[in-house]
Amino acid sequence: MAPTEARTAPSTSTAPPEAIQRTREALLDLLDSIDQEGWEGPAGTDLLQYVRAEMIRPLAVAVGLRGAMASQAEATAWEAVWLALTKPSLRTAGTPWGVLWQTARRAVLSEIVAGQFATTERRGWELAVAARKGEVRLPLSLDALIDTGWEAPGNEPDVTSRLELADVLADARNALERVGWGRRTAGRIIAAVANLDPPATPRCTVAGWRTLAATLDLPAWQARRLAVVLRGTAEWPGLLTLLMSQGSDALDDPGMRAALTATRYRSHRSPVLAAARATAQTQHGSQREA
């Protein structure tokens, strides 16, 4: 199967081959079989179907892609992974599945940047850097996150920073799932929040909640709380800001867990008050133990 075929092949995946195990030895055995059969043989077909269904498609969904953009990113990542599978260096890698995962994520995020500016991947990264400097207007999504304080290091297109951003969004979605939001709904919430415009002024503390309510068909109180918890306010950092500054450790913060829980139950205090109370209780408990 040539790269052009990987890009244009219709999405006909069914259940991925159950026999494939995500271990180094299993992958090397498959590649040895492909050496004998060619990519058109059973081993090549099964492997390509597996990485598309179990690796690439969930990744595209996790970063919030939908519709035509998701299909294009999926096709691009599928081709990139196919090329990685053909490289001899993959067989000497300590974690070849990890190499394939990173390749797929890099391809998906590059497709996002290229799509945002309707240009090539390389030019898209250049424009993304210019957008962070305020030299051009970024037409979609990442402005809201950059406005919260996140800044990619360096002056060159940084793929690692974009991969970290995808991890932030995935962690935020998982945090919503832990307090009772369904996986699909949590993904839609994160995608909608990431696509909100930044506040017009710093004093506009919960901008975007009306858009969330309309986009996600949520009651006003719930949309407002989600906007506060995820984007934060001028005085209180939201989950996305904390994940970008502290990493996944932010998910273990008692105050943030209480704030997230408040998005599920109207009877709970507002997220900021719930967070303050949980933090105070935790500190009080620690002092008593000391």
C-alpha atoms as a PDB file:
ATOM      1  CA  MET A   1       0.000   0.000   0.000  1.00  0.00           C
ATOM      2  CA  ALA A   2       1.682   3.209  -1.158  1.00  0.00           C
ATOM      3  CA  PRO A   3       1.489   6.497   0.771  1.00  0.00           C
ATOM      4  CA  THR A   4      -0.890   8.010  -1.785  1.00  0.00           C
ATOM      5  CA  GLU A   5      -3.154   5.013  -1.375  1.00  0.00           C
ATOM      6  CA  ALA A   6      -3.059   5.462   2.395  1.00  0.00           C
ATOM      7  CA  ARG A   7      -4.215   9.070   1.965  1.00  0.00           C
ATOM      8  CA  THR A   8      -7.053   8.346  -0.425  1.00  0.00           C
ATOM      9  CA  ALA A   9      -8.245   4.979   0.819  1.00  0.00           C
ATOM     10  CA  PRO A  10     -11.838   5.133   2.104  1.00  0.00           C
ATOM     11  CA  SER A  11     -12.438   4.780   5.799  1.00  0.00           C
ATOM     12  CA  THR A  12     -13.797   1.258   5.918  1.00  0.00           C
ATOM     13  CA  SER A  13     -12.435   0.140   9.251  1.00  0.00           C
ATOM     14  CA  THR A  14     -14.414  -2.327  11.259  1.00  0.00           C
ATOM     15  CA  ALA A  15     -13.219  -3.807  14.518  1.00  0.00           C
ATOM     16  CA  PRO A  16      -9.418  -3.781  14.654  1.00  0.00           C
ATOM     17  CA  PRO A  17      -7.651  -7.158  14.410  1.00  0.00           C
ATOM     18  CA  GLU A  18      -7.882  -8.691  17.868  1.00  0.00           C
ATOM     19  CA  ALA A  19      -4.663 -10.694  17.445  1.00  0.00           C
ATOM     20  CA  ILE A  20      -2.447  -7.602  17.388  1.00  0.00           C
ATOM     21  CA  GLN A  21      -0.758  -6.851  20.695  1.00  0.00           C
ATOM     22  CA  ARG A  22       0.936  -3.535  21.381  1.00  0.00           C
ATOM     23  CA  THR A  23       4.308  -4.966  22.328  1.00  0.00           C
ATOM     24  CA  ARG A  24       7.684  -4.541  20.690  1.00  0.00           C
ATOM     25  CA  GLU A  25       7.989  -8.231  19.889  1.00  0.00           C
ATOM     26  CA  ALA A  26       4.532  -8.426  18.307  1.00  0.00           C
ATOM     27  CA  LEU A  27       5.241  -5.431  16.075  1.00  0.00           C
ATOM     28  CA  LEU A  28       8.598  -6.800  14.953  1.00  0.00           C
ATOM     29  CA  ASP A  29       6.966 -10.141  14.127  1.00  0.00           C
ATOM     30  CA  LEU A  30       4.366  -8.352  12.020  1.00  0.00           C
ATOM     31  CA  LEU A  31       7.030  -6.390  10.178  1.00  0.00           C
ATOM     32  CA  ASP A  32       8.919  -9.621   9.471  1.00  0.00           C
ATOM     33  CA  SER A  33       5.721 -11.091   8.009  1.00  0.00           C
ATOM     34  CA  ILE A  34       5.210  -7.972   5.917  1.00  0.00           C
ATOM     35  CA  ASP A  35       8.742  -8.364   4.546  1.00  0.00           C
ATOM     36  CA  GLN A  36       7.613 -11.720   3.142  1.00  0.00           C
ATOM     37  CA  GLU A  37       4.040 -10.843   2.097  1.00  0.00           C
ATOM     38  CA  GLY A  38       4.276  -7.196   1.146  1.00  0.00           C
ATOM     39  CA  TRP A  39       1.967  -4.491   2.485  1.00  0.00           C
ATOM     40  CA  GLU A  40      -0.944  -5.892   0.496  1.00  0.00           C
ATOM     41  CA  GLY A  41      -0.787  -9.147   2.468  1.00  0.00           C
ATOM     42  CA  PRO A  42      -2.783 -10.060   5.571  1.00  0.00           C
ATOM     43  CA  ALA A  43      -0.188  -8.840   8.086  1.00  0.00           C
ATOM     44  CA  GLY A  44       0.172  -5.436   6.419  1.00  0.00           C
ATOM     45  CA  THR A  45      -3.577  -4.977   6.058  1.00  0.00           C
ATOM     46  CA  ASP A  46      -4.230  -5.924   9.681  1.00  0.00           C
ATOM     47  CA  LEU A  47      -1.493  -3.658  11.008  1.00  0.00           C
ATOM     48  CA  LEU A  48      -2.635  -0.625   9.017  1.00  0.00           C
ATOM     49  CA  GLN A  49      -6.252  -1.163  10.047  1.00  0.00           C
ATOM     50  CA  TYR A  50      -5.178  -1.468  13.670  1.00  0.00           C
ATOM     51  CA  VAL A  51      -3.140   1.732  13.836  1.00  0.00           C
ATOM     52  CA  ARG A  52      -5.919   3.644  12.105  1.00  0.00           C
ATOM     53  CA  ALA A  53      -8.720   2.383  14.327  1.00  0.00           C
ATOM     54  CA  GLU A  54      -6.897   2.141  17.661  1.00  0.00           C
ATOM     55  CA  MET A  55      -4.285   4.882  17.474  1.00  0.00           C
ATOM     56  CA  ILE A  56      -4.997   7.559  14.886  1.00  0.00           C
ATOM     57  CA  ARG A  57      -8.777   7.912  15.016  1.00  0.00           C
ATOM     58  CA  PRO A  58      -8.982   8.170  18.842  1.00  0.00           C
ATOM     59  CA  LEU A  59      -6.187  10.742  18.712  1.00  0.00           C
ATOM     60  CA  ALA A  60      -8.064  12.903  16.221  1.00  0.00           C
ATOM     61  CA  VAL A  61     -11.168  12.754  18.410  1.00  0.00           C
ATOM     62  CA  ALA A  62      -9.172  13.504  21.571  1.00  0.00           C
ATOM     63  CA  VAL A  63      -7.855  16.809  20.196  1.00  0.00           C
ATOM     64  CA  GLY A  64     -11.384  17.848  19.251  1.00  0.00           C
ATOM     65  CA  LEU A  65     -11.397  17.352  15.479  1.00  0.00           C
ATOM     66  CA  ARG A  66     -14.683  16.647  13.740  1.00  0.00           C
ATOM     67  CA  GLY A  67     -16.019  16.248  10.214  1.00  0.00           C
ATOM     68  CA  ALA A  68     -13.836  16.858   7.191  1.00  0.00           C
ATOM     69  CA  MET A  69     -10.911  18.153   9.231  1.00  0.00           C
ATOM     70  CA  ALA A  70     -10.858  14.965  11.310  1.00  0.00           C
ATOM     71  CA  SER A  71     -10.918  12.832   8.148  1.00  0.00           C
ATOM     72  CA  GLN A  72      -8.064  14.772   6.588  1.00  0.00           C
ATOM     73  CA  ALA A  73      -5.958  14.650   9.745  1.00  0.00           C
ATOM     74  CA  GLU A  74      -6.636  10.931  10.044  1.00  0.00           C
ATOM     75  CA  ALA A  75      -5.514  10.310   6.458  1.00  0.00           C
ATOM     76  CA  THR A  76      -2.389  12.420   6.910  1.00  0.00           C
ATOM     77  CA  ALA A  77      -1.445  10.681  10.147  1.00  0.00           C
ATOM     78  CA  TRP A  78      -2.117   7.266   8.609  1.00  0.00           C
ATOM     79  CA  GLU A  79       0.304   8.017   5.807  1.00  0.00           C
ATOM     80  CA  ALA A  80       2.923   9.340   8.235  1.00  0.00           C
ATOM     81  CA  VAL A  81       2.658   6.215  10.391  1.00  0.00           C
ATOM     82  CA  TRP A  82       2.923   4.021   7.306  1.00  0.00           C
ATOM     83  CA  LEU A  83       6.153   5.775   6.346  1.00  0.00           C
ATOM     84  CA  ALA A  84       7.467   5.325   9.900  1.00  0.00           C
ATOM     85  CA  LEU A  85       6.657   1.618   9.708  1.00  0.00           C
ATOM     86  CA  THR A  86       8.792   1.266   6.572  1.00  0.00           C
ATOM     87  CA  LYS A  87      11.906   2.797   8.157  1.00  0.00           C
ATOM     88  CA  PRO A  88      14.613   0.345   9.298  1.00  0.00           C
ATOM     89  CA  SER A  89      15.278   2.532  12.363  1.00  0.00           C
ATOM     90  CA  LEU A  90      11.886   1.574  13.814  1.00  0.00           C
ATOM     91  CA  ARG A  91      13.071  -1.996  14.285  1.00  0.00           C
ATOM     92  CA  THR A  92      15.916  -0.902  16.534  1.00  0.00           C
ATOM     93  CA  ALA A  93      13.820   1.500  18.620  1.00  0.00           C
ATOM     94  CA  GLY A  94      13.302   0.534  22.227  1.00  0.00           C
ATOM     95  CA  THR A  95       9.598   1.473  22.126  1.00  0.00           C
ATOM     96  CA  PRO A  96       8.485   1.316  18.488  1.00  0.00           C
ATOM     97  CA  TRP A  97       4.815   1.740  19.379  1.00  0.00           C
ATOM     98  CA  GLY A  98       5.747   4.954  21.138  1.00  0.00           C
ATOM     99  CA  VAL A  99       7.536   6.136  17.998  1.00  0.00           C
ATOM    100  CA  LEU A 100       4.396   5.460  15.962  1.00  0.00           C
ATOM    101  CA  TRP A 101       2.222   7.291  18.505  1.00  0.00           C
ATOM    102  CA  GLN A 102       4.450  10.352  18.448  1.00  0.00           C
ATOM    103  CA  THR A 103       4.481  10.264  14.647  1.00  0.00           C
ATOM    104  CA  ALA A 104       0.681  10.152  14.541  1.00  0.00           C
ATOM    105  CA  ARG A 105       0.286  13.010  17.035  1.00  0.00           C
ATOM    106  CA  ARG A 106       2.801  15.152  15.207  1.00  0.00           C
ATOM    107  CA  ALA A 107       0.983  14.574  11.916  1.00  0.00           C
ATOM    108  CA  VAL A 108      -2.454  15.356  13.384  1.00  0.00           C
ATOM    109  CA  LEU A 109      -1.275  18.586  14.989  1.00  0.00           C
ATOM    110  CA  SER A 110       0.599  19.634  11.864  1.00  0.00           C
ATOM    111  CA  GLU A 111      -2.590  19.104   9.887  1.00  0.00           C
ATOM    112  CA  ILE A 112      -4.452  21.351  12.326  1.00  0.00           C
ATOM    113  CA  VAL A 113      -1.933  24.164  11.924  1.00  0.00           C
ATOM    114  CA  ALA A 114      -1.877  23.816   8.141  1.00  0.00           C
ATOM    115  CA  GLY A 115      -5.675  23.771   8.028  1.00  0.00           C
ATOM    116  CA  GLN A 116      -5.992  26.843  10.216  1.00  0.00           C
ATOM    117  CA  PHE A 117      -3.998  28.930   7.779  1.00  0.00           C
ATOM    118  CA  ALA A 118      -4.981  27.076   4.564  1.00  0.00           C
ATOM    119  CA  THR A 119      -1.357  26.494   3.621  1.00  0.00           C
ATOM    120  CA  THR A 120       1.404  23.895   3.776  1.00  0.00           C
ATOM    121  CA  GLU A 121       2.529  22.313   7.022  1.00  0.00           C
ATOM    122  CA  ARG A 122       5.841  24.193   7.136  1.00  0.00           C
ATOM    123  CA  ARG A 123       4.235  27.544   6.321  1.00  0.00           C
ATOM    124  CA  GLY A 124       1.479  26.827   8.847  1.00  0.00           C
ATOM    125  CA  TRP A 125       4.004  26.500  11.667  1.00  0.00           C
ATOM    126  CA  GLU A 126       5.668  29.755  10.574  1.00  0.00           C
ATOM    127  CA  LEU A 127       2.328  31.560  10.666  1.00  0.00           C
ATOM    128  CA  ALA A 128       1.513  30.011  14.041  1.00  0.00           C
ATOM    129  CA  VAL A 129       4.702  31.543  15.451  1.00  0.00           C
ATOM    130  CA  ALA A 130       3.789  34.888  13.883  1.00  0.00           C
ATOM    131  CA  ALA A 131       0.318  34.637  15.425  1.00  0.00           C
ATOM    132  CA  ARG A 132       1.804  34.196  18.897  1.00  0.00           C
ATOM    133  CA  LYS A 133       3.779  37.393  18.341  1.00  0.00           C
ATOM    134  CA  GLY A 134       0.636  39.243  17.283  1.00  0.00           C
ATOM    135  CA  GLU A 135       1.902  39.709  13.726  1.00  0.00           C
ATOM    136  CA  VAL A 136      -0.995  37.795  12.190  1.00  0.00           C
ATOM    137  CA  ARG A 137      -4.432  36.800  13.431  1.00  0.00           C
ATOM    138  CA  LEU A 138      -4.858  33.134  14.327  1.00  0.00           C
ATOM    139  CA  PRO A 139      -8.277  32.251  12.903  1.00  0.00           C
ATOM    140  CA  LEU A 140      -9.130  29.318  15.173  1.00  0.00           C
ATOM    141  CA  SER A 141      -8.997  27.772  18.608  1.00  0.00           C
ATOM    142  CA  LEU A 142      -5.575  28.227  20.197  1.00  0.00           C
ATOM    143  CA  ASP A 143      -5.923  31.965  20.887  1.00  0.00           C
ATOM    144  CA  ALA A 144      -8.082  31.170  23.896  1.00  0.00           C
ATOM    145  CA  LEU A 145      -5.378  28.992  25.419  1.00  0.00           C
ATOM    146  CA  ILE A 146      -2.510  31.345  24.591  1.00  0.00           C
ATOM    147  CA  ASP A 147      -4.491  34.172  26.198  1.00  0.00           C
ATOM    148  CA  THR A 148      -4.524  32.304  29.499  1.00  0.00           C
ATOM    149  CA  GLY A 149      -0.752  32.655  29.716  1.00  0.00           C
ATOM    150  CA  TRP A 150       0.643  29.658  27.820  1.00  0.00           C
ATOM    151  CA  GLU A 151       3.573  30.508  25.591  1.00  0.00           C
ATOM    152  CA  ALA A 152       5.596  28.065  23.513  1.00  0.00           C
ATOM    153  CA  PRO A 153       9.364  28.360  24.110  1.00  0.00           C
ATOM    154  CA  GLY A 154      11.686  29.619  21.405  1.00  0.00           C
ATOM    155  CA  ASN A 155      11.130  31.488  18.191  1.00  0.00           C
ATOM    156  CA  GLU A 156      10.857  28.529  15.834  1.00  0.00           C
ATOM    157  CA  PRO A 157       7.888  26.239  15.168  1.00  0.00           C
ATOM    158  CA  ASP A 158       7.946  23.828  18.090  1.00  0.00           C
ATOM    159  CA  VAL A 159       6.203  20.534  17.469  1.00  0.00           C
ATOM    160  CA  THR A 160       6.794  19.433  21.053  1.00  0.00           C
ATOM    161  CA  SER A 161       4.804  22.418  22.344  1.00  0.00           C
ATOM    162  CA  ARG A 162       1.857  21.464  20.169  1.00  0.00           C
ATOM    163  CA  LEU A 163       2.074  17.890  21.393  1.00  0.00           C
ATOM    164  CA  GLU A 164       2.045  19.197  24.961  1.00  0.00           C
ATOM    165  CA  LEU A 165      -1.053  21.216  24.124  1.00  0.00           C
ATOM    166  CA  ALA A 166      -2.784  18.060  22.896  1.00  0.00           C
ATOM    167  CA  ASP A 167      -1.883  16.403  26.198  1.00  0.00           C
ATOM    168  CA  VAL A 168      -3.376  19.349  28.102  1.00  0.00           C
ATOM    169  CA  LEU A 169      -6.669  19.005  26.247  1.00  0.00           C
ATOM    170  CA  ALA A 170      -6.705  15.242  26.760  1.00  0.00           C
ATOM    171  CA  ASP A 171      -6.014  15.651  30.509  1.00  0.00           C
ATOM    172  CA  ALA A 172      -8.811  18.207  30.777  1.00  0.00           C
ATOM    173  CA  ARG A 173     -11.235  15.853  29.062  1.00  0.00           C
ATOM    174  CA  ASN A 174     -10.238  13.040  31.416  1.00  0.00           C
ATOM    175  CA  ALA A 175     -10.758  15.342  34.399  1.00  0.00           C
ATOM    176  CA  LEU A 176     -14.329  16.018  33.277  1.00  0.00           C
ATOM    177  CA  GLU A 177     -14.933  12.290  32.852  1.00  0.00           C
ATOM    178  CA  ARG A 178     -13.782  11.631  36.429  1.00  0.00           C
ATOM    179  CA  VAL A 179     -16.517  13.856  37.849  1.00  0.00           C
ATOM    180  CA  GLY A 180     -19.266  12.234  35.813  1.00  0.00           C
ATOM    181  CA  TRP A 181     -19.276  13.741  32.334  1.00  0.00           C
ATOM    182  CA  GLY A 182     -19.570  11.139  29.585  1.00  0.00           C
ATOM    183  CA  ARG A 183     -16.512  10.632  27.413  1.00  0.00           C
ATOM    184  CA  ARG A 184     -18.135  11.953  24.249  1.00  0.00           C
ATOM    185  CA  THR A 185     -19.675  14.959  26.001  1.00  0.00           C
ATOM    186  CA  ALA A 186     -16.400  15.755  27.757  1.00  0.00           C
ATOM    187  CA  GLY A 187     -14.610  15.737  24.412  1.00  0.00           C
ATOM    188  CA  ARG A 188     -17.196  18.113  22.937  1.00  0.00           C
ATOM    189  CA  ILE A 189     -16.855  20.449  25.917  1.00  0.00           C
ATOM    190  CA  ILE A 190     -13.068  20.650  25.618  1.00  0.00           C
ATOM    191  CA  ALA A 191     -13.244  21.175  21.868  1.00  0.00           C
ATOM    192  CA  ALA A 192     -15.803  23.968  22.291  1.00  0.00           C
ATOM    193  CA  VAL A 193     -13.789  25.700  25.024  1.00  0.00           C
ATOM    194  CA  ALA A 194     -10.585  25.499  22.979  1.00  0.00           C
ATOM    195  CA  ASN A 195     -12.352  27.219  20.089  1.00  0.00           C
ATOM    196  CA  LEU A 196     -13.711  30.131  22.141  1.00  0.00           C
ATOM    197  CA  ASP A 197     -12.319  33.571  21.399  1.00  0.00           C
ATOM    198  CA  PRO A 198     -10.206  35.127  24.173  1.00  0.00           C
ATOM    199  CA  PRO A 199     -11.919  37.624  26.489  1.00  0.00           C
ATOM    200  CA  ALA A 200     -12.239  41.102  25.002  1.00  0.00           C
ATOM    201  CA  THR A 201     -10.813  42.636  28.199  1.00  0.00           C
ATOM    202  CA  PRO A 202      -9.165  41.188  31.321  1.00  0.00           C
ATOM    203  CA  ARG A 203     -12.193  42.287  33.339  1.00  0.00           C
ATOM    204  CA  CYS A 204     -14.448  40.020  31.280  1.00  0.00           C
ATOM    205  CA  THR A 205     -13.993  37.052  33.589  1.00  0.00           C
ATOM    206  CA  VAL A 206     -16.270  34.377  32.173  1.00  0.00           C
ATOM    207  CA  ALA A 207     -16.458  35.219  28.479  1.00  0.00           C
ATOM    208  CA  GLY A 208     -17.827  32.516  26.236  1.00  0.00           C
ATOM    209  CA  TRP A 209     -20.304  30.773  28.480  1.00  0.00           C
ATOM    210  CA  ARG A 210     -23.280  31.786  26.327  1.00  0.00           C
ATOM    211  CA  THR A 211     -21.531  30.319  23.292  1.00  0.00           C
ATOM    212  CA  LEU A 212     -20.919  27.113  25.237  1.00  0.00           C
ATOM    213  CA  ALA A 213     -24.556  26.919  26.289  1.00  0.00           C
ATOM    214  CA  ALA A 214     -25.731  27.275  22.688  1.00  0.00           C
ATOM    215  CA  THR A 215     -23.077  25.010  21.165  1.00  0.00           C
ATOM    216  CA  LEU A 216     -23.446  22.193  23.675  1.00  0.00           C
ATOM    217  CA  ASP A 217     -27.159  22.654  24.495  1.00  0.00           C
ATOM    218  CA  LEU A 218     -26.423  23.097  28.203  1.00  0.00           C
ATOM    219  CA  PRO A 219     -28.311  25.101  30.826  1.00  0.00           C
ATOM    220  CA  ALA A 220     -26.848  28.526  31.490  1.00  0.00           C
ATOM    221  CA  TRP A 221     -25.629  27.734  35.025  1.00  0.00           C
ATOM    222  CA  GLN A 222     -23.705  24.693  33.807  1.00  0.00           C
ATOM    223  CA  ALA A 223     -22.143  26.431  30.813  1.00  0.00           C
ATOM    224  CA  ARG A 224     -21.047  29.316  33.022  1.00  0.00           C
ATOM    225  CA  ARG A 225     -19.442  26.984  35.550  1.00  0.00           C
ATOM    226  CA  LEU A 226     -17.630  25.069  32.813  1.00  0.00           C
ATOM    227  CA  ALA A 227     -16.255  28.317  31.393  1.00  0.00           C
ATOM    228  CA  VAL A 228     -15.016  29.356  34.843  1.00  0.00           C
ATOM    229  CA  VAL A 229     -13.459  25.989  35.704  1.00  0.00           C
ATOM    230  CA  LEU A 230     -11.734  25.446  32.369  1.00  0.00           C
ATOM    231  CA  ARG A 231     -10.729  29.000  31.411  1.00  0.00           C
ATOM    232  CA  GLY A 232     -10.476  30.557  34.860  1.00  0.00           C
ATOM    233  CA  THR A 233     -11.082  34.183  35.811  1.00  0.00           C
ATOM    234  CA  ALA A 234      -8.893  37.236  36.306  1.00  0.00           C
ATOM    235  CA  GLU A 235      -8.349  36.179  39.943  1.00  0.00           C
ATOM    236  CA  TRP A 236      -8.560  32.379  39.726  1.00  0.00           C
ATOM    237  CA  PRO A 237      -6.602  30.195  37.253  1.00  0.00           C
ATOM    238  CA  GLY A 238      -8.695  27.604  35.466  1.00  0.00           C
ATOM    239  CA  LEU A 239      -7.870  23.980  34.784  1.00  0.00           C
ATOM    240  CA  LEU A 240      -6.278  24.613  31.373  1.00  0.00           C
ATOM    241  CA  THR A 241      -3.941  27.233  32.813  1.00  0.00           C
ATOM    242  CA  LEU A 242      -2.927  24.957  35.684  1.00  0.00           C
ATOM    243  CA  LEU A 243      -2.334  22.002  33.381  1.00  0.00           C
ATOM    244  CA  MET A 244      -0.091  24.142  31.203  1.00  0.00           C
ATOM    245  CA  SER A 245       1.889  25.470  34.153  1.00  0.00           C
ATOM    246  CA  GLN A 246       1.906  22.476  36.520  1.00  0.00           C
ATOM    247  CA  GLY A 247       1.293  19.521  34.245  1.00  0.00           C
ATOM    248  CA  SER A 248      -0.934  16.613  35.248  1.00  0.00           C
ATOM    249  CA  ASP A 249      -0.226  17.310  38.947  1.00  0.00           C
ATOM    250  CA  ALA A 250      -3.004  19.890  38.705  1.00  0.00           C
ATOM    251  CA  LEU A 251      -5.496  17.031  38.429  1.00  0.00           C
ATOM    252  CA  ASP A 252      -4.702  15.962  42.000  1.00  0.00           C
ATOM    253  CA  ASP A 253      -5.472  19.366  43.505  1.00  0.00           C
ATOM    254  CA  PRO A 254      -8.449  19.014  45.911  1.00  0.00           C
ATOM    255  CA  GLY A 255      -9.690  22.496  45.071  1.00  0.00           C
ATOM    256  CA  MET A 256      -9.744  21.791  41.362  1.00  0.00           C
ATOM    257  CA  ARG A 257     -11.530  18.483  41.887  1.00  0.00           C
ATOM    258  CA  ALA A 258     -14.213  20.274  43.907  1.00  0.00           C
ATOM    259  CA  ALA A 259     -14.541  22.954  41.229  1.00  0.00           C
ATOM    260  CA  LEU A 260     -14.943  20.320  38.522  1.00  0.00           C
ATOM    261  CA  THR A 261     -17.572  18.491  40.567  1.00  0.00           C
ATOM    262  CA  ALA A 262     -19.524  21.742  40.838  1.00  0.00           C
ATOM    263  CA  THR A 263     -20.071  21.679  37.079  1.00  0.00           C
ATOM    264  CA  ARG A 264     -22.221  18.582  37.523  1.00  0.00           C
ATOM    265  CA  TYR A 265     -24.475  19.594  40.407  1.00  0.00           C
ATOM    266  CA  ARG A 266     -26.319  22.888  40.619  1.00  0.00           C
ATOM    267  CA  SER A 267     -26.780  22.470  44.375  1.00  0.00           C
ATOM    268  CA  HIS A 268     -23.007  22.710  44.897  1.00  0.00           C
ATOM    269  CA  ARG A 269     -21.287  26.001  45.528  1.00  0.00           C
ATOM    270  CA  SER A 270     -19.894  27.899  42.563  1.00  0.00           C
ATOM    271  CA  PRO A 271     -16.568  26.437  41.330  1.00  0.00           C
ATOM    272  CA  VAL A 272     -14.361  29.142  42.860  1.00  0.00           C
ATOM    273  CA  LEU A 273     -16.071  28.917  46.262  1.00  0.00           C
ATOM    274  CA  ALA A 274     -16.069  25.109  46.128  1.00  0.00           C
ATOM    275  CA  ALA A 275     -12.347  25.138  45.346  1.00  0.00           C
ATOM    276  CA  ALA A 276     -11.583  27.567  48.167  1.00  0.00           C
ATOM    277  CA  ARG A 277     -13.519  25.481  50.687  1.00  0.00           C
ATOM    278  CA  ALA A 278     -11.869  22.205  49.628  1.00  0.00           C
ATOM    279  CA  THR A 279      -8.418  23.782  49.755  1.00  0.00           C
ATOM    280  CA  ALA A 280      -9.052  25.212  53.214  1.00  0.00           C
ATOM    281  CA  GLN A 281     -10.294  21.845  54.502  1.00  0.00           C
ATOM    282  CA  THR A 282      -7.220  20.100  53.114  1.00  0.00           C
ATOM    283  CA  GLN A 283      -4.880  22.625  54.733  1.00  0.00           C
ATOM    284  CA  HIS A 284      -6.743  22.384  58.034  1.00  0.00           C
ATOM    285  CA  GLY A 285      -6.479  18.600  57.953  1.00  0.00           C
ATOM    286  CA  SER A 286      -2.757  18.778  57.247  1.00  0.00           C
ATOM    287  CA  GLN A 287      -2.222  21.164  60.161  1.00  0.00           C
ATOM    288  CA  ARG A 288      -4.104  18.851  62.541  1.00  0.00           C
ATOM    289  CA  GLU A 289      -1.992  15.890  61.469  1.00  0.00           C
ATOM    290  CA  ALA A 290       1.174  17.935  61.983  1.00  0.00           C
END
